[in-house]
Amino acid sequence: MTSDAAAQHTVRWGVLAPGIIAHVQVADMRRHGLRVDAVASRDLARARDFAAEFGIARAYGDYQALCAAPDIDAIYIASPHPFHAKQALLAISHGKHVLVEKAFAMNARQAQTVLDAASARGVIALEAMWVRYLPYMAVIQNWLAEGHIGRVRAVSADRSTILSTDPTHRVRAIELGGGAILDVGVYPVAFVQGLLGAPIAIAARGRLTEQGVDAAAAAVLEYADGTLATITTSIDTAGTNTVTIIGERGRIEVLANAYEWPFDARVVDAEGTQLDAFTAAHEGRGMQFQALELETLVAEGRTRSEIMSPEDTLDVMRIMDEMRRQIGVRYPADDA
């Protein structure tokens, strides 16, 4: 995932929107020696506090100044997803690479606009779906390639947790892209898409809040070879948060929490005998890997990641668009 050139950490990062997730991201980047040279918030005091906490040289009180800064190469966009497309387009217009938090955009149309703009400008637009970059994903892919469980026939993936019950909170506000699918359901969707690609059919059901966002959703994804994947997600119940990949001769289990680091994964045969296991842990959350992937692309003169490609991002957005369509969740951005 890294290269010698990337390990020199010559990319000069800026952080846009220093909220909770940005704290985690920058802590991991600092822990591994990556450069973060500037931060921007609409609240200058907040930006200055963030800069002081992480030893960042410059703080800006508006996003335009950060995006226009000539000595910034890449911008990590950590705002809520309703703002991702507009902010990514601003950064791209100034020739910056962007690492955009999940969900990458509000819908596939917005995502396509951002990706097209990045392609036209010759810069990287990478989705910060951080679990896709973690080492255990390569381990799982190797197990599958080595044929431990035979041909994959089914996948089940859950990401269900209890978030705020405040009706004014972002996760319950229709105008802010609230609901389970875009906020936490994106994890199992991205996991399944990373394994199986784009489905040929989707059947989805959901339970809506009074505000019209999805409190819970479930979907069955059908693939051309007959493989079925089930996805469940919720913001008002605590689920298993596991992934199971079922093959003809056994299964791969990613134990709770499948979307965190450290984690446990194992391969068992059809009789339940464990064939192999992988357990790993390190300090932090492992969010440096997605930033390292962008740095590797820069160092190698590439704009397309094979870990989370533009096509992967679009597939994930299209799956979520169709799930929302079927359960009746429509955002203002869908009509824009």
C-alpha atoms as a PDB file:
ATOM      1  CA  MET A   1       0.000   0.000   0.000  1.00  0.00           C
ATOM      2  CA  THR A   2       2.898   2.300   0.647  1.00  0.00           C
ATOM      3  CA  SER A   3       6.007   2.921  -1.406  1.00  0.00           C
ATOM      4  CA  ASP A   4       9.456   4.257  -0.580  1.00  0.00           C
ATOM      5  CA  ALA A   5       8.530   7.552  -2.230  1.00  0.00           C
ATOM      6  CA  ALA A   6       5.287   7.814  -0.308  1.00  0.00           C
ATOM      7  CA  ALA A   7       7.107   6.989   2.907  1.00  0.00           C
ATOM      8  CA  GLN A   8       9.014  10.277   2.541  1.00  0.00           C
ATOM      9  CA  HIS A   9       5.713  12.061   3.180  1.00  0.00           C
ATOM     10  CA  THR A  10       6.235  14.954   0.791  1.00  0.00           C
ATOM     11  CA  VAL A  11       2.486  15.556   0.359  1.00  0.00           C
ATOM     12  CA  ARG A  12       1.421  18.727   2.138  1.00  0.00           C
ATOM     13  CA  TRP A  13      -2.022  18.131   3.603  1.00  0.00           C
ATOM     14  CA  GLY A  14      -4.766  20.540   4.522  1.00  0.00           C
ATOM     15  CA  VAL A  15      -7.783  19.628   6.638  1.00  0.00           C
ATOM     16  CA  LEU A  16     -11.206  21.028   5.819  1.00  0.00           C
ATOM     17  CA  ALA A  17     -13.740  20.952   8.693  1.00  0.00           C
ATOM     18  CA  PRO A  18     -11.943  19.971  11.922  1.00  0.00           C
ATOM     19  CA  GLY A  19     -14.680  17.928  13.587  1.00  0.00           C
ATOM     20  CA  ILE A  20     -14.581  14.626  15.459  1.00  0.00           C
ATOM     21  CA  ILE A  21     -13.554  12.453  12.521  1.00  0.00           C
ATOM     22  CA  ALA A  22     -10.837  14.920  11.519  1.00  0.00           C
ATOM     23  CA  HIS A  23      -9.340  14.615  15.008  1.00  0.00           C
ATOM     24  CA  VAL A  24      -9.080  10.854  14.587  1.00  0.00           C
ATOM     25  CA  GLN A  25      -7.707  11.124  11.058  1.00  0.00           C
ATOM     26  CA  VAL A  26      -5.039  13.689  11.879  1.00  0.00           C
ATOM     27  CA  ALA A  27      -4.021  11.886  15.070  1.00  0.00           C
ATOM     28  CA  ASP A  28      -3.305   8.769  12.993  1.00  0.00           C
ATOM     29  CA  MET A  29      -1.527  10.785  10.306  1.00  0.00           C
ATOM     30  CA  ARG A  30       0.671  12.515  12.865  1.00  0.00           C
ATOM     31  CA  ARG A  31       1.374   9.205  14.586  1.00  0.00           C
ATOM     32  CA  HIS A  32       2.825   7.912  11.330  1.00  0.00           C
ATOM     33  CA  GLY A  33       4.757  11.005  10.335  1.00  0.00           C
ATOM     34  CA  LEU A  34       2.524  12.461   7.631  1.00  0.00           C
ATOM     35  CA  ARG A  35       2.598  16.209   7.051  1.00  0.00           C
ATOM     36  CA  VAL A  36      -0.434  18.347   7.919  1.00  0.00           C
ATOM     37  CA  ASP A  37       0.326  21.981   7.179  1.00  0.00           C
ATOM     38  CA  ALA A  38      -3.031  23.769   7.375  1.00  0.00           C
ATOM     39  CA  VAL A  39      -6.574  23.526   8.662  1.00  0.00           C
ATOM     40  CA  ALA A  40      -9.724  25.478   7.812  1.00  0.00           C
ATOM     41  CA  SER A  41     -13.034  25.944   9.585  1.00  0.00           C
ATOM     42  CA  ARG A  42     -15.840  28.425   9.148  1.00  0.00           C
ATOM     43  CA  ASP A  43     -15.068  29.218  12.788  1.00  0.00           C
ATOM     44  CA  LEU A  44     -11.505  30.575  12.900  1.00  0.00           C
ATOM     45  CA  ALA A  45     -11.206  29.950  16.649  1.00  0.00           C
ATOM     46  CA  ARG A  46     -12.039  26.301  16.078  1.00  0.00           C
ATOM     47  CA  ALA A  47      -9.420  26.044  13.361  1.00  0.00           C
ATOM     48  CA  ARG A  48      -6.830  27.658  15.621  1.00  0.00           C
ATOM     49  CA  ASP A  49      -7.641  25.266  18.465  1.00  0.00           C
ATOM     50  CA  PHE A  50      -7.253  22.304  16.118  1.00  0.00           C
ATOM     51  CA  ALA A  51      -3.985  23.689  14.777  1.00  0.00           C
ATOM     52  CA  ALA A  52      -2.642  24.157  18.294  1.00  0.00           C
ATOM     53  CA  GLU A  53      -3.631  20.632  19.294  1.00  0.00           C
ATOM     54  CA  PHE A  54      -1.769  19.008  16.400  1.00  0.00           C
ATOM     55  CA  GLY A  55       1.040  21.495  15.839  1.00  0.00           C
ATOM     56  CA  ILE A  56      -0.305  22.652  12.478  1.00  0.00           C
ATOM     57  CA  ALA A  57       1.319  25.781  11.122  1.00  0.00           C
ATOM     58  CA  ARG A  58      -1.657  27.627   9.639  1.00  0.00           C
ATOM     59  CA  ALA A  59      -5.335  28.012  10.457  1.00  0.00           C
ATOM     60  CA  TYR A  60      -7.903  29.569   8.145  1.00  0.00           C
ATOM     61  CA  GLY A  61     -11.395  30.866   8.867  1.00  0.00           C
ATOM     62  CA  ASP A  62     -12.784  29.964   5.440  1.00  0.00           C
ATOM     63  CA  TYR A  63     -12.462  27.059   3.045  1.00  0.00           C
ATOM     64  CA  GLN A  64     -11.600  29.152   0.002  1.00  0.00           C
ATOM     65  CA  ALA A  65      -8.325  30.293   1.580  1.00  0.00           C
ATOM     66  CA  LEU A  66      -7.271  26.716   2.297  1.00  0.00           C
ATOM     67  CA  CYS A  67      -8.152  25.494  -1.183  1.00  0.00           C
ATOM     68  CA  ALA A  68      -6.307  28.403  -2.794  1.00  0.00           C
ATOM     69  CA  ALA A  69      -3.147  27.994  -0.683  1.00  0.00           C
ATOM     70  CA  PRO A  70      -0.280  27.355  -3.144  1.00  0.00           C
ATOM     71  CA  ASP A  71       1.712  25.229  -0.690  1.00  0.00           C
ATOM     72  CA  ILE A  72      -1.040  22.651  -0.048  1.00  0.00           C
ATOM     73  CA  ASP A  73      -1.141  19.555  -2.242  1.00  0.00           C
ATOM     74  CA  ALA A  74      -4.067  17.539  -0.879  1.00  0.00           C
ATOM     75  CA  ILE A  75      -7.136  18.307   1.203  1.00  0.00           C
ATOM     76  CA  TYR A  76      -8.883  15.917   3.552  1.00  0.00           C
ATOM     77  CA  ILE A  77     -12.596  16.817   3.527  1.00  0.00           C
ATOM     78  CA  ALA A  78     -14.157  15.864   6.858  1.00  0.00           C
ATOM     79  CA  SER A  79     -17.450  17.740   6.775  1.00  0.00           C
ATOM     80  CA  PRO A  80     -20.875  16.008   6.803  1.00  0.00           C
ATOM     81  CA  HIS A  81     -21.728  14.386   3.472  1.00  0.00           C
ATOM     82  CA  PRO A  82     -24.244  17.019   2.242  1.00  0.00           C
ATOM     83  CA  PHE A  83     -21.267  19.370   1.769  1.00  0.00           C
ATOM     84  CA  HIS A  84     -18.759  16.960   0.248  1.00  0.00           C
ATOM     85  CA  ALA A  85     -19.448  17.560  -3.434  1.00  0.00           C
ATOM     86  CA  LYS A  86     -19.342  21.356  -3.277  1.00  0.00           C
ATOM     87  CA  GLN A  87     -16.197  21.401  -1.144  1.00  0.00           C
ATOM     88  CA  ALA A  88     -14.435  18.759  -3.220  1.00  0.00           C
ATOM     89  CA  LEU A  89     -15.196  20.713  -6.392  1.00  0.00           C
ATOM     90  CA  LEU A  90     -13.779  23.860  -4.790  1.00  0.00           C
ATOM     91  CA  ALA A  91     -10.551  22.097  -3.876  1.00  0.00           C
ATOM     92  CA  ILE A  92     -10.276  20.406  -7.275  1.00  0.00           C
ATOM     93  CA  SER A  93     -10.794  23.752  -9.035  1.00  0.00           C
ATOM     94  CA  HIS A  94      -7.593  24.889  -7.315  1.00  0.00           C
ATOM     95  CA  GLY A  95      -5.699  21.800  -8.438  1.00  0.00           C
ATOM     96  CA  LYS A  96      -5.774  19.967  -5.113  1.00  0.00           C
ATOM     97  CA  HIS A  97      -6.038  16.235  -4.609  1.00  0.00           C
ATOM     98  CA  VAL A  98      -8.930  15.359  -2.313  1.00  0.00           C
ATOM     99  CA  LEU A  99      -9.557  12.614   0.223  1.00  0.00           C
ATOM    100  CA  VAL A 100     -13.308  12.809   0.812  1.00  0.00           C
ATOM    101  CA  GLU A 101     -14.985  11.268   3.846  1.00  0.00           C
ATOM    102  CA  LYS A 102     -17.702   8.691   3.347  1.00  0.00           C
ATOM    103  CA  ALA A 103     -20.347   8.874   2.143  1.00  0.00           C
ATOM    104  CA  PHE A 104     -18.480  10.388  -0.801  1.00  0.00           C
ATOM    105  CA  ALA A 105     -21.512  12.447  -1.846  1.00  0.00           C
ATOM    106  CA  MET A 106     -25.275  12.564  -1.424  1.00  0.00           C
ATOM    107  CA  ASN A 107     -25.952  10.482  -4.518  1.00  0.00           C
ATOM    108  CA  ALA A 108     -24.248   8.956  -7.534  1.00  0.00           C
ATOM    109  CA  ARG A 109     -24.919  12.019  -9.682  1.00  0.00           C
ATOM    110  CA  GLN A 110     -22.967  14.246  -7.311  1.00  0.00           C
ATOM    111  CA  ALA A 111     -20.191  11.664  -7.043  1.00  0.00           C
ATOM    112  CA  GLN A 112     -19.885  11.473 -10.831  1.00  0.00           C
ATOM    113  CA  THR A 113     -19.590  15.265 -11.038  1.00  0.00           C
ATOM    114  CA  VAL A 114     -16.718  15.286  -8.542  1.00  0.00           C
ATOM    115  CA  LEU A 115     -14.919  12.377 -10.185  1.00  0.00           C
ATOM    116  CA  ASP A 116     -15.297  13.928 -13.636  1.00  0.00           C
ATOM    117  CA  ALA A 117     -13.901  17.228 -12.366  1.00  0.00           C
ATOM    118  CA  ALA A 118     -10.902  15.482 -10.803  1.00  0.00           C
ATOM    119  CA  SER A 119     -10.230  13.547 -14.005  1.00  0.00           C
ATOM    120  CA  ALA A 120     -10.416  16.705 -16.103  1.00  0.00           C
ATOM    121  CA  ARG A 121      -8.002  18.506 -13.756  1.00  0.00           C
ATOM    122  CA  GLY A 122      -5.648  15.526 -13.471  1.00  0.00           C
ATOM    123  CA  VAL A 123      -5.910  15.247  -9.692  1.00  0.00           C
ATOM    124  CA  ILE A 124      -6.891  12.456  -7.316  1.00  0.00           C
ATOM    125  CA  ALA A 125     -10.391  12.187  -5.852  1.00  0.00           C
ATOM    126  CA  LEU A 126     -10.277   9.353  -3.327  1.00  0.00           C
ATOM    127  CA  GLU A 127     -13.034   8.185  -1.018  1.00  0.00           C
ATOM    128  CA  ALA A 128     -12.048   7.946   2.638  1.00  0.00           C
ATOM    129  CA  MET A 129     -13.824   4.626   3.144  1.00  0.00           C
ATOM    130  CA  TRP A 130     -11.111   3.772   5.634  1.00  0.00           C
ATOM    131  CA  VAL A 131     -11.966   0.115   6.239  1.00  0.00           C
ATOM    132  CA  ARG A 132     -11.241  -0.655   2.577  1.00  0.00           C
ATOM    133  CA  TYR A 133      -7.600   0.352   3.119  1.00  0.00           C
ATOM    134  CA  LEU A 134      -6.990  -1.661   6.293  1.00  0.00           C
ATOM    135  CA  PRO A 135      -4.597  -4.641   6.032  1.00  0.00           C
ATOM    136  CA  TYR A 136      -7.275  -7.190   6.860  1.00  0.00           C
ATOM    137  CA  MET A 137      -8.998  -6.530   3.527  1.00  0.00           C
ATOM    138  CA  ALA A 138      -5.920  -7.838   1.716  1.00  0.00           C
ATOM    139  CA  VAL A 139      -5.864 -10.875   4.018  1.00  0.00           C
ATOM    140  CA  ILE A 140      -9.494 -11.683   3.160  1.00  0.00           C
ATOM    141  CA  GLN A 141      -8.848 -11.231  -0.555  1.00  0.00           C
ATOM    142  CA  ASN A 142      -5.879 -13.617  -0.281  1.00  0.00           C
ATOM    143  CA  TRP A 143      -7.971 -16.233   1.508  1.00  0.00           C
ATOM    144  CA  LEU A 144     -10.543 -16.031  -1.256  1.00  0.00           C
ATOM    145  CA  ALA A 145      -7.914 -16.181  -3.998  1.00  0.00           C
ATOM    146  CA  GLU A 146      -6.315 -19.213  -2.364  1.00  0.00           C
ATOM    147  CA  GLY A 147      -9.662 -21.004  -2.518  1.00  0.00           C
ATOM    148  CA  HIS A 148     -10.021 -21.756   1.193  1.00  0.00           C
ATOM    149  CA  ILE A 149     -13.822 -21.588   1.046  1.00  0.00           C
ATOM    150  CA  GLY A 150     -14.362 -22.304  -2.628  1.00  0.00           C
ATOM    151  CA  ARG A 151     -16.715 -20.228  -4.713  1.00  0.00           C
ATOM    152  CA  VAL A 152     -18.495 -17.474  -2.758  1.00  0.00           C
ATOM    153  CA  ARG A 153     -22.236 -18.068  -2.656  1.00  0.00           C
ATOM    154  CA  ALA A 154     -23.469 -15.569  -0.037  1.00  0.00           C
ATOM    155  CA  VAL A 155     -22.323 -12.622   2.036  1.00  0.00           C
ATOM    156  CA  SER A 156     -24.032 -11.074   5.040  1.00  0.00           C
ATOM    157  CA  ALA A 157     -22.914  -7.725   6.437  1.00  0.00           C
ATOM    158  CA  ASP A 158     -24.392  -5.677   9.265  1.00  0.00           C
ATOM    159  CA  ARG A 159     -23.625  -2.199  10.597  1.00  0.00           C
ATOM    160  CA  SER A 160     -26.183  -1.249  13.206  1.00  0.00           C
ATOM    161  CA  THR A 161     -25.618   1.070  16.119  1.00  0.00           C
ATOM    162  CA  ILE A 162     -27.519   3.462  18.358  1.00  0.00           C
ATOM    163  CA  LEU A 163     -26.966   7.092  17.454  1.00  0.00           C
ATOM    164  CA  SER A 164     -28.672  10.240  18.689  1.00  0.00           C
ATOM    165  CA  THR A 165     -32.436  10.184  19.254  1.00  0.00           C
ATOM    166  CA  ASP A 166     -32.593  13.984  19.134  1.00  0.00           C
ATOM    167  CA  PRO A 167     -34.951  14.792  16.214  1.00  0.00           C
ATOM    168  CA  THR A 168     -32.814  17.846  15.367  1.00  0.00           C
ATOM    169  CA  HIS A 169     -29.552  15.883  15.223  1.00  0.00           C
ATOM    170  CA  ARG A 170     -27.809  15.576  11.853  1.00  0.00           C
ATOM    171  CA  VAL A 171     -28.450  11.822  11.582  1.00  0.00           C
ATOM    172  CA  ARG A 172     -32.214  12.449  11.767  1.00  0.00           C
ATOM    173  CA  ALA A 173     -32.403  15.561   9.589  1.00  0.00           C
ATOM    174  CA  ILE A 174     -33.548  15.010   6.009  1.00  0.00           C
ATOM    175  CA  GLU A 175     -31.901  18.235   4.824  1.00  0.00           C
ATOM    176  CA  LEU A 176     -28.546  17.040   6.226  1.00  0.00           C
ATOM    177  CA  GLY A 177     -28.634  13.615   4.621  1.00  0.00           C
ATOM    178  CA  GLY A 178     -29.677  11.839   7.789  1.00  0.00           C
ATOM    179  CA  GLY A 179     -30.521   8.179   8.078  1.00  0.00           C
ATOM    180  CA  ALA A 180     -28.785   4.858   8.487  1.00  0.00           C
ATOM    181  CA  ILE A 181     -27.833   4.117   4.889  1.00  0.00           C
ATOM    182  CA  LEU A 182     -25.521   7.062   4.168  1.00  0.00           C
ATOM    183  CA  ASP A 183     -24.167   7.367   7.697  1.00  0.00           C
ATOM    184  CA  VAL A 184     -23.426   3.782   8.755  1.00  0.00           C
ATOM    185  CA  GLY A 185     -24.934   1.546   6.073  1.00  0.00           C
ATOM    186  CA  VAL A 186     -22.235   2.755   3.716  1.00  0.00           C
ATOM    187  CA  TYR A 187     -19.813   0.456   5.585  1.00  0.00           C
ATOM    188  CA  PRO A 188     -21.451  -2.888   4.769  1.00  0.00           C
ATOM    189  CA  VAL A 189     -22.372  -1.643   1.297  1.00  0.00           C
ATOM    190  CA  ALA A 190     -18.728  -0.764   0.601  1.00  0.00           C
ATOM    191  CA  PHE A 191     -17.552  -4.049   2.127  1.00  0.00           C
ATOM    192  CA  VAL A 192     -19.868  -6.123  -0.061  1.00  0.00           C
ATOM    193  CA  GLN A 193     -19.107  -4.058  -3.161  1.00  0.00           C
ATOM    194  CA  GLY A 194     -15.392  -4.535  -2.539  1.00  0.00           C
ATOM    195  CA  LEU A 195     -15.875  -8.298  -2.551  1.00  0.00           C
ATOM    196  CA  LEU A 196     -18.499  -8.731  -5.251  1.00  0.00           C
ATOM    197  CA  GLY A 197     -18.693  -5.549  -7.322  1.00  0.00           C
ATOM    198  CA  ALA A 198     -21.962  -4.157  -8.673  1.00  0.00           C
ATOM    199  CA  PRO A 199     -25.136  -6.251  -8.318  1.00  0.00           C
ATOM    200  CA  ILE A 200     -27.603  -6.933 -11.112  1.00  0.00           C
ATOM    201  CA  ALA A 201     -30.629  -6.450  -8.838  1.00  0.00           C
ATOM    202  CA  ILE A 202     -31.449  -4.977  -5.415  1.00  0.00           C
ATOM    203  CA  ALA A 203     -34.453  -5.529  -3.164  1.00  0.00           C
ATOM    204  CA  ALA A 204     -34.643  -3.184  -0.174  1.00  0.00           C
ATOM    205  CA  ARG A 205     -36.954  -2.482   2.736  1.00  0.00           C
ATOM    206  CA  GLY A 206     -36.719   0.090   5.494  1.00  0.00           C
ATOM    207  CA  ARG A 207     -38.238   1.704   8.554  1.00  0.00           C
ATOM    208  CA  LEU A 208     -38.480   5.502   8.497  1.00  0.00           C
ATOM    209  CA  THR A 209     -38.416   8.079  11.262  1.00  0.00           C
ATOM    210  CA  GLU A 210     -40.972  10.864  11.650  1.00  0.00           C
ATOM    211  CA  GLN A 211     -38.436  13.102   9.905  1.00  0.00           C
ATOM    212  CA  GLY A 212     -38.501  10.864   6.844  1.00  0.00           C
ATOM    213  CA  VAL A 213     -35.031   9.365   7.109  1.00  0.00           C
ATOM    214  CA  ASP A 214     -34.260   5.668   7.386  1.00  0.00           C
ATOM    215  CA  ALA A 215     -33.899   4.469  10.969  1.00  0.00           C
ATOM    216  CA  ALA A 216     -33.187   0.991   9.624  1.00  0.00           C
ATOM    217  CA  ALA A 217     -32.790  -0.636   6.241  1.00  0.00           C
ATOM    218  CA  ALA A 218     -32.129  -4.066   4.798  1.00  0.00           C
ATOM    219  CA  ALA A 219     -31.275  -5.105   1.271  1.00  0.00           C
ATOM    220  CA  VAL A 220     -30.633  -8.241  -0.733  1.00  0.00           C
ATOM    221  CA  LEU A 221     -28.164  -7.789  -3.571  1.00  0.00           C
ATOM    222  CA  GLU A 222     -28.225 -10.312  -6.412  1.00  0.00           C
ATOM    223  CA  TYR A 223     -25.198 -11.005  -8.611  1.00  0.00           C
ATOM    224  CA  ALA A 224     -24.958 -12.440 -12.109  1.00  0.00           C
ATOM    225  CA  ASP A 225     -23.372 -15.686 -10.894  1.00  0.00           C
ATOM    226  CA  GLY A 226     -26.177 -16.299  -8.396  1.00  0.00           C
ATOM    227  CA  THR A 227     -24.350 -14.996  -5.329  1.00  0.00           C
ATOM    228  CA  LEU A 228     -26.584 -13.198  -2.840  1.00  0.00           C
ATOM    229  CA  ALA A 229     -25.543 -10.550  -0.341  1.00  0.00           C
ATOM    230  CA  THR A 230     -27.649  -9.282   2.548  1.00  0.00           C
ATOM    231  CA  ILE A 231     -27.015  -5.902   4.119  1.00  0.00           C
ATOM    232  CA  THR A 232     -28.585  -4.609   7.319  1.00  0.00           C
ATOM    233  CA  THR A 233     -28.107  -1.235   8.948  1.00  0.00           C
ATOM    234  CA  SER A 234     -29.693   0.871  11.668  1.00  0.00           C
ATOM    235  CA  ILE A 235     -29.186   4.002  13.750  1.00  0.00           C
ATOM    236  CA  ASP A 236     -31.517   2.935  16.561  1.00  0.00           C
ATOM    237  CA  THR A 237     -30.502  -0.665  17.324  1.00  0.00           C
ATOM    238  CA  ALA A 238     -27.209  -2.323  18.220  1.00  0.00           C
ATOM    239  CA  GLY A 239     -26.485  -5.113  15.764  1.00  0.00           C
ATOM    240  CA  THR A 240     -23.828  -7.766  15.309  1.00  0.00           C
ATOM    241  CA  ASN A 241     -21.548  -5.528  13.220  1.00  0.00           C
ATOM    242  CA  THR A 242     -20.043  -8.613  11.599  1.00  0.00           C
ATOM    243  CA  VAL A 243     -19.418  -9.869   8.089  1.00  0.00           C
ATOM    244  CA  THR A 244     -19.757 -13.498   7.004  1.00  0.00           C
ATOM    245  CA  ILE A 245     -18.607 -14.690   3.587  1.00  0.00           C
ATOM    246  CA  ILE A 246     -20.070 -18.108   2.804  1.00  0.00           C
ATOM    247  CA  GLY A 247     -18.460 -20.326   0.218  1.00  0.00           C
ATOM    248  CA  GLU A 248     -19.055 -23.809  -1.119  1.00  0.00           C
ATOM    249  CA  ARG A 249     -16.470 -25.332   1.250  1.00  0.00           C
ATOM    250  CA  GLY A 250     -16.506 -23.050   4.258  1.00  0.00           C
ATOM    251  CA  ARG A 251     -16.793 -19.464   5.371  1.00  0.00           C
ATOM    252  CA  ILE A 252     -14.808 -16.391   6.370  1.00  0.00           C
ATOM    253  CA  GLU A 253     -15.970 -14.594   9.503  1.00  0.00           C
ATOM    254  CA  VAL A 254     -15.026 -11.022  10.328  1.00  0.00           C
ATOM    255  CA  LEU A 255     -16.000 -10.696  13.954  1.00  0.00           C
ATOM    256  CA  ALA A 256     -17.411  -7.664  15.737  1.00  0.00           C
ATOM    257  CA  ASN A 257     -16.601  -4.992  15.006  1.00  0.00           C
ATOM    258  CA  ALA A 258     -15.951  -5.752  11.357  1.00  0.00           C
ATOM    259  CA  TYR A 259     -15.589  -2.051  10.595  1.00  0.00           C
ATOM    260  CA  GLU A 260     -13.025  -1.222  13.242  1.00  0.00           C
ATOM    261  CA  TRP A 261      -9.347  -1.779  13.889  1.00  0.00           C
ATOM    262  CA  PRO A 262      -8.144  -3.901  15.660  1.00  0.00           C
ATOM    263  CA  PHE A 263     -10.254  -6.797  14.429  1.00  0.00           C
ATOM    264  CA  ASP A 264     -10.431 -10.585  14.253  1.00  0.00           C
ATOM    265  CA  ALA A 265     -11.054 -12.636  11.132  1.00  0.00           C
ATOM    266  CA  ARG A 266     -10.939 -16.371  10.585  1.00  0.00           C
ATOM    267  CA  VAL A 267     -11.530 -19.040   7.973  1.00  0.00           C
ATOM    268  CA  VAL A 268     -13.438 -22.200   8.865  1.00  0.00           C
ATOM    269  CA  ASP A 269     -14.328 -25.206   6.748  1.00  0.00           C
ATOM    270  CA  ALA A 270     -17.811 -26.645   6.247  1.00  0.00           C
ATOM    271  CA  GLU A 271     -17.516 -28.603   9.513  1.00  0.00           C
ATOM    272  CA  GLY A 272     -16.527 -25.504  11.481  1.00  0.00           C
ATOM    273  CA  THR A 273     -12.835 -26.350  11.848  1.00  0.00           C
ATOM    274  CA  GLN A 274     -10.676 -23.236  11.851  1.00  0.00           C
ATOM    275  CA  LEU A 275      -8.196 -23.218   8.965  1.00  0.00           C
ATOM    276  CA  ASP A 276      -6.564 -19.851   9.459  1.00  0.00           C
ATOM    277  CA  ALA A 277      -6.995 -16.663  11.456  1.00  0.00           C
ATOM    278  CA  PHE A 278      -5.731 -13.119  11.430  1.00  0.00           C
ATOM    279  CA  THR A 279      -5.715 -10.800  14.408  1.00  0.00           C
ATOM    280  CA  ALA A 280      -4.039  -7.438  14.358  1.00  0.00           C
ATOM    281  CA  ALA A 281      -3.894  -4.332  16.476  1.00  0.00           C
ATOM    282  CA  HIS A 282      -1.972  -1.120  16.565  1.00  0.00           C
ATOM    283  CA  GLU A 283      -2.131   2.249  18.211  1.00  0.00           C
ATOM    284  CA  GLY A 284      -4.852   4.464  16.811  1.00  0.00           C
ATOM    285  CA  ARG A 285      -7.719   3.664  14.468  1.00  0.00           C
ATOM    286  CA  GLY A 286      -5.792   2.853  11.304  1.00  0.00           C
ATOM    287  CA  MET A 287      -6.983   5.876   9.345  1.00  0.00           C
ATOM    288  CA  GLN A 288      -3.488   6.653   8.134  1.00  0.00           C
ATOM    289  CA  PHE A 289      -3.774   3.939   5.506  1.00  0.00           C
ATOM    290  CA  GLN A 290      -6.185   5.918   3.334  1.00  0.00           C
ATOM    291  CA  ALA A 291      -3.924   8.967   3.443  1.00  0.00           C
ATOM    292  CA  LEU A 292      -0.928   6.762   2.631  1.00  0.00           C
ATOM    293  CA  GLU A 293      -2.792   5.415  -0.401  1.00  0.00           C
ATOM    294  CA  LEU A 294      -3.260   8.934  -1.732  1.00  0.00           C
ATOM    295  CA  GLU A 295       0.415   9.684  -1.077  1.00  0.00           C
ATOM    296  CA  THR A 296       1.405   6.532  -2.964  1.00  0.00           C
ATOM    297  CA  LEU A 297      -0.705   7.594  -5.942  1.00  0.00           C
ATOM    298  CA  VAL A 298       0.944  11.021  -5.928  1.00  0.00           C
ATOM    299  CA  ALA A 299       4.427   9.520  -5.681  1.00  0.00           C
ATOM    300  CA  GLU A 300       3.754   7.124  -8.555  1.00  0.00           C
ATOM    301  CA  GLY A 301       2.054   9.708 -10.758  1.00  0.00           C
ATOM    302  CA  ARG A 302      -1.291   7.887 -10.762  1.00  0.00           C
ATOM    303  CA  THR A 303      -4.773   9.244 -10.104  1.00  0.00           C
ATOM    304  CA  ARG A 304      -6.666   5.961  -9.861  1.00  0.00           C
ATOM    305  CA  SER A 305      -6.591   3.735  -6.773  1.00  0.00           C
ATOM    306  CA  GLU A 306      -7.071   0.001  -7.192  1.00  0.00           C
ATOM    307  CA  ILE A 307      -8.129  -0.279  -3.541  1.00  0.00           C
ATOM    308  CA  MET A 308     -11.030   2.155  -3.840  1.00  0.00           C
ATOM    309  CA  SER A 309     -11.378   3.087  -7.492  1.00  0.00           C
ATOM    310  CA  PRO A 310     -13.692   5.768  -8.900  1.00  0.00           C
ATOM    311  CA  GLU A 311     -15.871   2.932 -10.206  1.00  0.00           C
ATOM    312  CA  ASP A 312     -16.031   1.447  -6.709  1.00  0.00           C
ATOM    313  CA  THR A 313     -17.195   4.762  -5.280  1.00  0.00           C
ATOM    314  CA  LEU A 314     -19.862   5.087  -7.967  1.00  0.00           C
ATOM    315  CA  ASP A 315     -21.042   1.500  -7.425  1.00  0.00           C
ATOM    316  CA  VAL A 316     -21.434   2.145  -3.690  1.00  0.00           C
ATOM    317  CA  MET A 317     -23.370   5.362  -4.303  1.00  0.00           C
ATOM    318  CA  ARG A 318     -25.638   3.677  -6.855  1.00  0.00           C
ATOM    319  CA  ILE A 319     -26.438   0.826  -4.475  1.00  0.00           C
ATOM    320  CA  MET A 320     -27.359   3.307  -1.736  1.00  0.00           C
ATOM    321  CA  ASP A 321     -29.367   5.432  -4.180  1.00  0.00           C
ATOM    322  CA  GLU A 322     -31.432   2.394  -5.137  1.00  0.00           C
ATOM    323  CA  MET A 323     -31.927   1.326  -1.525  1.00  0.00           C
ATOM    324  CA  ARG A 324     -33.161   4.818  -0.653  1.00  0.00           C
ATOM    325  CA  ARG A 325     -35.422   4.915  -3.705  1.00  0.00           C
ATOM    326  CA  GLN A 326     -37.109   1.673  -2.781  1.00  0.00           C
ATOM    327  CA  ILE A 327     -37.710   2.608   0.867  1.00  0.00           C
ATOM    328  CA  GLY A 328     -38.775   6.175   0.108  1.00  0.00           C
ATOM    329  CA  VAL A 329     -35.944   8.385   1.376  1.00  0.00           C
ATOM    330  CA  ARG A 330     -35.387  11.394  -0.869  1.00  0.00           C
ATOM    331  CA  TYR A 331     -33.076  14.273  -0.020  1.00  0.00           C
ATOM    332  CA  PRO A 332     -33.261  17.855  -1.315  1.00  0.00           C
ATOM    333  CA  ALA A 333     -29.966  17.130  -3.099  1.00  0.00           C
ATOM    334  CA  ASP A 334     -31.719  14.475  -5.185  1.00  0.00           C
ATOM    335  CA  ASP A 335     -33.861  17.195  -6.770  1.00  0.00           C
ATOM    336  CA  ALA A 336     -31.084  19.745  -7.234  1.00  0.00           C
END
